[in-house]
Amino acid sequence: MAALLTGSAAFAQEEAPVEKPAHFKLYGFIRNYMVADSRAVKAGTEDLYFYMPMDKDMTGGFDANGGFNWRFVSLTTRLGLDVSGYKWGSMGVSGKVEADFYCLSGTTPILRLRQAFMKLGWDNSRWALTLGQAWHPMAADMPHMNNLETGAPFNPFNRSPQVRADLALGGGFSLTASLMYLNHYLPTGPAGKSKDYYKYGLPEFYFGASFQNKHVLARLGLDMVNLRPYRTLTDWRVQDGPAPVIEVKSLLSTVSPFAFFQYTNGKFQLRAKTILAQGGEHMNLLSGYGVHSFNDNGTISYTPMQDWSSFVSFSYGKKIQVMGMLGYMKQLGTTQDLVDNQVWLNTAADTRIQQAIRATPTIAWNLGKFTVSIEYNITAAQFGNTKVAGFAADAVRNARGMFAPADMHWIVDHRLICMTKFNF
């Protein structure tokens, strides 16, 4: 009996999970930007997060948006903590907490949460699980540049709370599936930007495949979003008496495919990405949606604006680094006709912009953990003539939300960015 108890105790001791402590690494950087523009721009974070130039404003007889302007700020200085090495039996857990200083309102910067996630993996398993706020899978691979917007709106920009599963297939291939909740970066709609369109809809879903070897990284993916822009609506079918408010359960469903390619050889790297976005304003793309029809059964049929956004970028060198991006975006119109040409678009930039192009030649000096860079950013945007004094006639959107070529004009902004950064 004693031998049996001794054996059972030894077996229980052998089967008990072994716990290994975690390791912590503090990181971050101090970053300064000095920025000058040839005209007024639509931008966030003390005008560092640059979207697009502003159109002419000729109401006073001269272009009020055409003046030189500049700013010098130390926003976006960052602090982060990496956690690694923790194990409980065969399960390993790592994590990240990252914050920076950001002007959410007013001019006084406050500390803002950027990322907060954990990663779970298991011995001899090809599965990995990510839980928490992290980069959107379509936004993680960014163009080569040192500005704050890192390519937006030519590149998706979004961090969201998510549950992401990654499966390694072998041979450099892997699959990714993710369920996301929109948080910092919101869709637009009848009441402006709001979580409610998404909170009462369905989770955002992403599915993608990747391949990676020594020189090549390639991804293909598909993003699906379901919004509920209207939760209640006045019943337009009532002819006599006060019209009651009815509940609307209709969803706007969008599908956005993308492709990414990266080639690395020594000190040279090339990246390219393209996305055909439907209603991609939650990814900081210049897109949106509208109403196709109000149906007799109380439902609403929506139609998304399609936006094609692409970039190609390169980087060469280490101590002296030369890099640049060329980006292009164009609205392609809604997938179906609109009711009364009503369309809700991303208000981060002028909603009359139909297409835009950007080039960002950059040179950086990397002296250990200290970097100084100079970037020239030229952005040209094409606007519809609506509500602009000085033009012969106001342009009108067609049934697909587009302006005729003859009813548009181009505006160009020249931006010079000097950045200093000390990593620690």
Protein backbone atom coordinates (compact mmCIF):
# COMPACT_ATOMS: atom_id res chain seq x y z
CA MET A 1 0.00 0.00 0.00
CA ALA A 2 2.86 2.39 0.90
CA ALA A 3 4.55 1.60 -2.41
CA LEU A 4 1.30 2.35 -4.28
CA LEU A 5 0.92 5.69 -2.48
CA THR A 6 4.55 6.57 -3.13
CA GLY A 7 4.14 5.73 -6.82
CA SER A 8 0.93 7.78 -7.08
CA ALA A 9 2.62 10.78 -5.43
CA ALA A 10 5.56 10.53 -7.81
CA PHE A 11 3.20 10.33 -10.80
CA ALA A 12 1.20 13.37 -9.61
CA GLN A 13 4.43 15.31 -9.08
CA GLU A 14 5.64 14.36 -12.55
CA GLU A 15 2.35 15.44 -14.20
CA ALA A 16 2.06 18.80 -12.41
CA PRO A 17 2.56 21.70 -14.86
CA VAL A 18 5.89 23.45 -14.56
CA GLU A 19 5.69 27.24 -14.35
CA LYS A 20 8.48 29.43 -15.76
CA PRO A 21 8.60 33.14 -14.94
CA ALA A 22 8.24 35.88 -17.53
CA HIS A 23 10.94 38.26 -18.74
CA PHE A 24 10.28 41.98 -19.16
CA LYS A 25 11.84 44.46 -21.57
CA LEU A 26 11.12 48.19 -21.50
CA TYR A 27 11.44 50.01 -24.81
CA GLY A 28 10.40 53.21 -26.51
CA PHE A 29 11.67 56.36 -28.12
CA ILE A 30 11.72 60.14 -27.84
CA ARG A 31 10.60 61.65 -31.14
CA ASN A 32 10.36 65.22 -32.44
CA TYR A 33 8.77 66.46 -35.66
CA MET A 34 9.25 69.78 -37.42
CA VAL A 35 6.74 70.04 -40.27
CA ALA A 36 6.05 72.74 -42.87
CA ASP A 37 3.22 72.80 -45.46
CA SER A 38 2.68 75.01 -48.49
CA ARG A 39 -1.07 75.21 -47.70
CA ALA A 40 -3.63 74.24 -45.05
CA VAL A 41 -4.16 70.51 -44.65
CA LYS A 42 -6.68 68.10 -43.12
CA ALA A 43 -4.71 66.31 -40.45
CA GLY A 44 -4.85 65.06 -36.85
CA THR A 45 -2.50 65.06 -33.86
CA GLU A 46 -1.29 68.67 -34.16
CA ASP A 47 -1.40 68.26 -37.95
CA LEU A 48 1.23 65.49 -37.85
CA TYR A 49 -1.14 62.73 -38.99
CA PHE A 50 -1.57 64.03 -42.53
CA TYR A 51 -4.58 63.03 -44.64
CA MET A 52 -5.00 65.43 -47.55
CA PRO A 53 -4.58 69.10 -48.54
CA MET A 54 -7.56 71.38 -48.10
CA ASP A 55 -9.38 72.78 -51.12
CA LYS A 56 -9.37 76.44 -52.14
CA ASP A 57 -11.40 78.87 -50.05
CA MET A 58 -11.95 81.96 -52.22
CA THR A 59 -14.75 83.57 -50.19
CA GLY A 60 -12.56 86.58 -49.35
CA GLY A 61 -11.27 87.03 -52.88
CA PHE A 62 -8.07 85.08 -52.18
CA ASP A 63 -7.26 81.48 -51.27
CA ALA A 64 -7.51 81.47 -47.46
CA ASN A 65 -6.11 77.90 -47.38
CA GLY A 66 -3.10 78.72 -49.53
CA GLY A 67 -0.75 80.07 -46.87
CA PHE A 68 2.51 78.55 -45.61
CA ASN A 69 2.25 77.00 -42.12
CA TRP A 70 4.50 74.99 -39.80
CA ARG A 71 4.68 73.34 -36.38
CA PHE A 72 7.30 71.79 -34.06
CA VAL A 73 6.08 69.20 -31.52
CA SER A 74 7.33 66.23 -29.51
CA LEU A 75 4.09 64.27 -29.67
CA THR A 76 4.07 60.50 -30.33
CA THR A 77 6.97 59.87 -27.96
CA ARG A 78 6.37 56.23 -27.08
CA LEU A 79 6.68 53.81 -24.15
CA GLY A 80 6.28 50.05 -24.35
CA LEU A 81 6.77 46.85 -22.40
CA ASP A 82 7.42 43.44 -23.98
CA VAL A 83 6.71 40.34 -21.90
CA SER A 84 8.19 36.99 -22.98
CA GLY A 85 9.30 33.60 -21.70
CA TYR A 86 6.35 32.76 -19.44
CA LYS A 87 5.30 29.09 -19.57
CA TRP A 88 2.67 27.00 -17.83
CA GLY A 89 3.32 23.43 -18.77
CA SER A 90 3.30 23.22 -22.56
CA MET A 91 1.64 26.64 -22.98
CA GLY A 92 3.76 29.72 -23.55
CA VAL A 93 2.45 33.27 -23.11
CA SER A 94 3.98 36.52 -24.30
CA GLY A 95 2.53 40.01 -24.46
CA LYS A 96 2.91 43.70 -25.20
CA VAL A 97 1.64 46.92 -23.63
CA GLU A 98 2.38 50.07 -25.64
CA ALA A 99 1.36 53.71 -25.21
CA ASP A 100 2.25 57.10 -26.62
CA PHE A 101 1.34 60.75 -26.12
CA TYR A 102 -1.54 61.88 -28.27
CA CYS A 103 -3.94 64.84 -28.56
CA LEU A 104 -7.34 63.19 -28.30
CA SER A 105 -8.92 66.62 -27.75
CA GLY A 106 -7.55 70.12 -27.44
CA THR A 107 -3.81 70.78 -27.56
CA THR A 108 -2.58 69.08 -24.37
CA PRO A 109 -1.17 65.60 -25.10
CA ILE A 110 -2.21 62.70 -22.88
CA LEU A 111 -0.96 59.13 -22.62
CA ARG A 112 -2.91 56.86 -24.98
CA LEU A 113 -3.03 53.06 -25.21
CA ARG A 114 -1.78 51.88 -28.62
CA GLN A 115 -1.47 48.13 -28.18
CA ALA A 116 -2.28 45.69 -25.39
CA PHE A 117 -2.31 42.01 -26.34
CA MET A 118 -1.14 38.56 -25.33
CA LYS A 119 0.03 35.68 -27.52
CA LEU A 120 -0.51 32.05 -26.63
CA GLY A 121 1.41 29.12 -28.13
CA TRP A 122 1.81 25.44 -27.29
CA ASP A 123 4.74 23.05 -27.60
CA ASN A 124 4.65 20.92 -30.75
CA SER A 125 1.63 22.86 -32.02
CA ARG A 126 1.29 24.87 -35.20
CA TRP A 127 -1.38 27.10 -33.66
CA ALA A 128 -0.88 30.50 -32.06
CA LEU A 129 -3.56 32.74 -30.57
CA THR A 130 -3.49 36.54 -30.14
CA LEU A 131 -5.93 38.25 -27.75
CA GLY A 132 -6.21 42.02 -27.32
CA GLN A 133 -5.65 45.27 -29.18
CA ALA A 134 -3.12 44.91 -32.00
CA TRP A 135 -2.54 46.02 -35.57
CA HIS A 136 -5.22 45.08 -38.09
CA PRO A 137 -3.83 42.26 -40.32
CA MET A 138 -4.29 44.48 -43.40
CA ALA A 139 -2.44 47.42 -41.82
CA ALA A 140 0.55 45.71 -40.22
CA ASP A 141 2.85 45.81 -43.29
CA MET A 142 3.57 49.52 -43.80
CA PRO A 143 5.43 51.49 -46.45
CA HIS A 144 8.95 52.82 -45.89
CA MET A 145 8.72 56.33 -44.42
CA ASN A 146 9.24 58.25 -41.18
CA ASN A 147 6.02 60.28 -41.06
CA LEU A 148 3.29 59.63 -38.52
CA GLU A 149 0.50 58.43 -40.85
CA THR A 150 2.76 55.74 -42.40
CA GLY A 151 1.04 55.86 -45.77
CA ALA A 152 -2.61 56.49 -44.87
CA PRO A 153 -4.94 56.86 -46.77
CA PHE A 154 -2.98 54.89 -49.39
CA ASN A 155 -2.30 52.16 -46.83
CA PRO A 156 -4.87 50.88 -44.28
CA PHE A 157 -4.28 52.20 -40.76
CA ASN A 158 -6.10 50.49 -37.91
CA ARG A 159 -5.45 48.91 -34.52
CA SER A 160 -8.38 46.98 -33.05
CA PRO A 161 -9.25 44.60 -30.19
CA GLN A 162 -9.23 41.16 -31.77
CA VAL A 163 -9.05 37.40 -31.39
CA ARG A 164 -6.60 36.15 -34.01
CA ALA A 165 -5.60 32.58 -34.77
CA ASP A 166 -2.48 31.77 -36.83
CA LEU A 167 -1.78 28.31 -38.24
CA ALA A 168 1.67 27.41 -39.61
CA LEU A 169 1.29 24.94 -42.49
CA GLY A 170 4.97 24.35 -43.14
CA GLY A 171 7.09 25.28 -46.11
CA GLY A 172 6.74 28.96 -45.29
CA PHE A 173 2.91 28.97 -45.64
CA SER A 174 0.50 30.06 -42.91
CA LEU A 175 -3.19 30.95 -42.44
CA THR A 176 -4.70 33.72 -40.32
CA ALA A 177 -8.27 34.24 -39.12
CA SER A 178 -9.35 37.14 -36.91
CA LEU A 179 -12.51 38.51 -35.30
CA MET A 180 -12.25 42.26 -34.52
CA TYR A 181 -14.14 44.99 -32.70
CA LEU A 182 -13.86 48.55 -33.96
CA ASN A 183 -12.60 50.86 -31.24
CA HIS A 184 -10.25 53.79 -31.97
CA TYR A 185 -10.92 53.91 -35.70
CA LEU A 186 -14.64 54.22 -36.37
CA PRO A 187 -16.97 53.97 -39.37
CA THR A 188 -19.01 56.96 -40.42
CA GLY A 189 -22.75 57.21 -41.00
CA PRO A 190 -25.94 59.26 -40.51
CA ALA A 191 -24.80 60.52 -37.08
CA GLY A 192 -21.12 60.98 -37.96
CA LYS A 193 -18.45 58.60 -36.66
CA SER A 194 -19.83 56.19 -34.08
CA LYS A 195 -19.27 52.79 -32.49
CA ASP A 196 -23.02 52.18 -32.50
CA TYR A 197 -23.13 51.26 -36.20
CA TYR A 198 -20.76 48.42 -35.42
CA LYS A 199 -21.73 47.58 -31.83
CA TYR A 200 -25.22 46.57 -32.93
CA GLY A 201 -23.96 44.78 -36.05
CA LEU A 202 -21.63 41.78 -36.29
CA PRO A 203 -17.88 41.33 -35.63
CA GLU A 204 -15.43 42.28 -38.35
CA PHE A 205 -13.86 39.14 -39.83
CA TYR A 206 -10.53 38.72 -41.60
CA PHE A 207 -9.13 35.64 -43.31
CA GLY A 208 -5.77 35.51 -45.06
CA ALA A 209 -2.85 33.38 -46.23
CA SER A 210 0.87 34.20 -46.12
CA PHE A 211 4.11 32.84 -47.58
CA GLN A 212 7.58 33.72 -46.34
CA ASN A 213 11.13 32.64 -47.12
CA LYS A 214 14.55 34.29 -46.95
CA HIS A 215 13.80 36.99 -49.53
CA VAL A 216 10.02 37.07 -50.08
CA LEU A 217 6.97 37.79 -47.92
CA ALA A 218 3.55 37.63 -49.63
CA ARG A 219 0.02 37.92 -48.26
CA LEU A 220 -3.50 37.61 -49.61
CA GLY A 221 -6.47 38.48 -47.43
CA LEU A 222 -10.17 39.31 -47.25
CA ASP A 223 -11.85 41.62 -44.73
CA MET A 224 -15.60 41.52 -44.05
CA VAL A 225 -17.57 44.14 -42.06
CA ASN A 226 -21.26 44.28 -41.12
CA LEU A 227 -22.67 47.61 -39.91
CA ARG A 228 -26.12 48.73 -38.81
CA PRO A 229 -26.18 52.45 -39.72
CA TYR A 230 -29.86 52.92 -38.76
CA ARG A 231 -31.32 51.26 -35.66
CA THR A 232 -34.59 53.21 -35.76
CA LEU A 233 -36.38 55.11 -38.51
CA THR A 234 -39.64 56.97 -38.99
CA ASP A 235 -42.09 54.71 -40.82
CA TRP A 236 -42.56 56.52 -44.15
CA ARG A 237 -45.42 54.16 -45.13
CA VAL A 238 -47.91 55.80 -42.74
CA GLN A 239 -50.31 58.08 -44.61
CA ASP A 240 -52.52 59.46 -41.84
CA GLY A 241 -51.65 60.46 -38.31
CA PRO A 242 -48.22 60.63 -36.64
CA ALA A 243 -45.66 58.27 -38.16
CA PRO A 244 -44.36 55.74 -35.61
CA VAL A 245 -40.66 55.01 -35.06
CA ILE A 246 -39.79 51.47 -36.16
CA GLU A 247 -36.79 49.25 -35.44
CA VAL A 248 -34.48 48.68 -38.43
CA LYS A 249 -32.45 45.48 -38.50
CA SER A 250 -30.86 45.89 -41.94
CA LEU A 251 -27.09 45.41 -42.23
CA LEU A 252 -24.52 46.92 -44.56
CA SER A 253 -22.15 44.12 -45.56
CA THR A 254 -18.80 44.91 -47.18
CA VAL A 255 -15.98 42.75 -48.54
CA SER A 256 -12.45 44.14 -49.06
CA PRO A 257 -9.67 42.00 -50.60
CA PHE A 258 -5.99 42.95 -50.46
CA ALA A 259 -2.56 41.73 -51.57
CA PHE A 260 0.90 42.51 -50.18
CA PHE A 261 4.39 41.69 -51.50
CA GLN A 262 7.81 42.29 -49.95
CA TYR A 263 11.27 41.49 -51.33
CA THR A 264 14.44 41.77 -49.22
CA ASN A 265 18.05 41.38 -50.38
CA GLY A 266 20.81 42.69 -48.15
CA LYS A 267 20.28 46.41 -47.45
CA PHE A 268 17.53 46.69 -50.07
CA GLN A 269 13.82 46.13 -49.44
CA LEU A 270 10.80 46.61 -51.71
CA ARG A 271 7.15 46.59 -50.57
CA ALA A 272 3.89 46.86 -52.47
CA LYS A 273 0.26 46.64 -51.36
CA THR A 274 -3.11 47.05 -53.03
CA ILE A 275 -6.62 46.96 -51.56
CA LEU A 276 -10.06 47.19 -53.13
CA ALA A 277 -11.94 48.53 -50.13
CA GLN A 278 -15.69 48.70 -49.64
CA GLY A 279 -16.65 51.19 -46.93
CA GLY A 280 -13.07 51.19 -45.60
CA GLU A 281 -13.30 54.42 -43.60
CA HIS A 282 -12.63 52.47 -40.36
CA MET A 283 -9.18 51.72 -41.85
CA ASN A 284 -8.60 55.43 -42.57
CA LEU A 285 -9.25 54.95 -46.28
CA LEU A 286 -11.23 57.61 -48.16
CA SER A 287 -14.33 55.51 -48.63
CA GLY A 288 -17.85 55.12 -47.21
CA TYR A 289 -21.36 54.01 -48.17
CA GLY A 290 -24.91 55.18 -48.81
CA VAL A 291 -28.54 54.07 -49.10
CA HIS A 292 -29.61 52.21 -52.22
CA SER A 293 -33.31 51.89 -51.32
CA PHE A 294 -35.85 52.19 -48.50
CA ASN A 295 -37.92 49.04 -48.90
CA ASP A 296 -41.66 48.62 -48.28
CA ASN A 297 -41.03 45.86 -45.74
CA GLY A 298 -39.18 48.32 -43.45
CA THR A 299 -35.67 47.24 -44.41
CA ILE A 300 -32.93 49.35 -45.98
CA SER A 301 -30.61 48.31 -48.79
CA TYR A 302 -27.16 49.88 -48.52
CA THR A 303 -24.45 50.23 -51.13
CA PRO A 304 -20.74 50.69 -50.28
CA MET A 305 -18.36 53.10 -51.97
CA GLN A 306 -15.45 51.22 -53.54
CA ASP A 307 -12.00 52.67 -53.01
CA TRP A 308 -8.83 51.42 -54.69
CA SER A 309 -5.74 52.26 -52.63
CA SER A 310 -2.20 51.13 -53.43
CA PHE A 311 1.43 51.92 -52.68
CA VAL A 312 4.91 50.81 -53.64
CA SER A 313 7.89 51.70 -51.44
CA PHE A 314 11.58 50.92 -51.09
CA SER A 315 14.44 51.30 -48.62
CA TYR A 316 18.20 51.00 -49.17
CA GLY A 317 21.05 51.41 -46.73
CA LYS A 318 21.64 51.20 -43.00
CA LYS A 319 23.70 54.09 -41.61
CA ILE A 320 22.64 56.33 -44.49
CA GLN A 321 19.17 55.14 -45.51
CA VAL A 322 17.37 56.25 -48.66
CA MET A 323 13.67 55.41 -48.94
CA GLY A 324 10.41 56.52 -50.47
CA MET A 325 6.78 55.70 -51.22
CA LEU A 326 4.54 56.27 -54.21
CA GLY A 327 0.83 55.98 -53.35
CA TYR A 328 -2.35 56.24 -55.37
CA MET A 329 -6.02 56.10 -54.40
CA LYS A 330 -9.20 56.45 -56.43
CA GLN A 331 -12.87 56.19 -55.58
CA LEU A 332 -14.61 53.87 -58.03
CA GLY A 333 -18.21 54.68 -57.12
CA THR A 334 -20.85 52.77 -55.19
CA THR A 335 -21.76 49.23 -56.19
CA GLN A 336 -25.44 50.27 -56.73
CA ASP A 337 -27.28 53.53 -57.36
CA LEU A 338 -27.80 55.86 -54.40
CA VAL A 339 -31.05 57.37 -53.13
CA ASP A 340 -30.88 61.15 -53.70
CA ASN A 341 -27.09 60.83 -54.16
CA GLN A 342 -26.75 60.50 -50.38
CA VAL A 343 -23.38 59.04 -49.40
CA TRP A 344 -21.49 59.05 -46.07
CA LEU A 345 -17.73 59.30 -46.54
CA ASN A 346 -14.68 59.49 -44.29
CA THR A 347 -14.70 63.00 -42.83
CA ALA A 348 -10.99 62.87 -41.92
CA ALA A 349 -10.43 64.45 -45.36
CA ASP A 350 -12.63 66.50 -47.69
CA THR A 351 -15.45 64.21 -48.81
CA ARG A 352 -15.29 65.63 -52.36
CA ILE A 353 -11.87 64.07 -53.05
CA GLN A 354 -12.15 61.54 -55.89
CA GLN A 355 -8.52 60.51 -56.32
CA ALA A 356 -5.08 61.38 -54.98
CA ILE A 357 -1.40 60.63 -55.48
CA ARG A 358 1.53 60.99 -53.07
CA ALA A 359 5.33 60.68 -53.31
CA THR A 360 7.66 60.78 -50.27
CA PRO A 361 11.41 60.72 -51.04
CA THR A 362 13.27 60.45 -47.72
CA ILE A 363 16.83 60.30 -46.43
CA ALA A 364 17.72 59.22 -42.90
CA TRP A 365 20.95 59.11 -40.91
CA ASN A 366 20.96 56.26 -38.38
CA LEU A 367 23.71 56.76 -35.79
CA GLY A 368 23.22 53.82 -33.48
CA LYS A 369 19.97 54.46 -31.66
CA PHE A 370 19.75 58.08 -32.82
CA THR A 371 18.04 58.93 -36.13
CA VAL A 372 17.51 62.16 -38.01
CA SER A 373 15.54 62.14 -41.26
CA ILE A 374 14.27 64.60 -43.85
CA GLU A 375 11.22 63.75 -45.96
CA TYR A 376 9.67 65.66 -48.82
CA ASN A 377 5.98 64.83 -49.24
CA ILE A 378 4.11 65.98 -52.34
CA THR A 379 0.40 65.16 -52.37
CA ALA A 380 -2.04 66.01 -55.16
CA ALA A 381 -5.80 65.53 -54.62
CA GLN A 382 -8.65 65.87 -57.11
CA PHE A 383 -11.77 67.61 -55.76
CA GLY A 384 -15.30 68.01 -57.03
CA ASN A 385 -16.17 71.68 -57.61
CA THR A 386 -19.07 71.67 -55.13
CA LYS A 387 -19.28 74.62 -52.71
CA VAL A 388 -16.05 76.22 -53.90
CA ALA A 389 -16.17 79.93 -54.69
CA GLY A 390 -14.35 80.87 -57.87
CA PHE A 391 -15.61 78.00 -60.00
CA ALA A 392 -18.22 78.48 -62.73
CA ALA A 393 -20.74 75.96 -61.39
CA ASP A 394 -21.16 73.52 -58.54
CA ALA A 395 -20.62 69.89 -59.45
CA VAL A 396 -23.27 67.28 -58.62
CA ARG A 397 -22.59 63.65 -57.76
CA ASN A 398 -24.07 61.08 -60.10
CA ALA A 399 -26.10 58.08 -58.97
CA ARG A 400 -22.90 56.24 -57.99
CA GLY A 401 -21.55 59.13 -55.92
CA MET A 402 -18.99 60.33 -58.47
CA PHE A 403 -18.26 63.68 -60.12
CA ALA A 404 -17.80 64.11 -63.87
CA PRO A 405 -14.15 64.71 -64.92
CA ALA A 406 -15.06 68.17 -66.22
CA ASP A 407 -16.40 69.11 -62.76
CA MET A 408 -13.16 68.44 -60.85
CA HIS A 409 -9.88 70.24 -60.15
CA TRP A 410 -6.51 69.37 -58.57
CA ILE A 411 -4.93 70.80 -55.42
CA VAL A 412 -1.26 70.18 -54.51
CA ASP A 413 0.47 70.41 -51.12
CA HIS A 414 4.23 70.40 -50.57
CA ARG A 415 5.20 69.14 -47.09
CA LEU A 416 8.69 69.04 -45.59
CA ILE A 417 9.23 66.85 -42.50
CA CYS A 418 12.32 66.80 -40.27
CA MET A 419 12.29 64.08 -37.63
CA THR A 420 14.69 63.28 -34.79
CA LYS A 421 14.30 60.09 -32.77
CA PHE A 422 16.23 58.44 -29.94
CA ASN A 423 15.37 54.78 -29.33
CA PHE A 424 15.90 53.19 -25.94
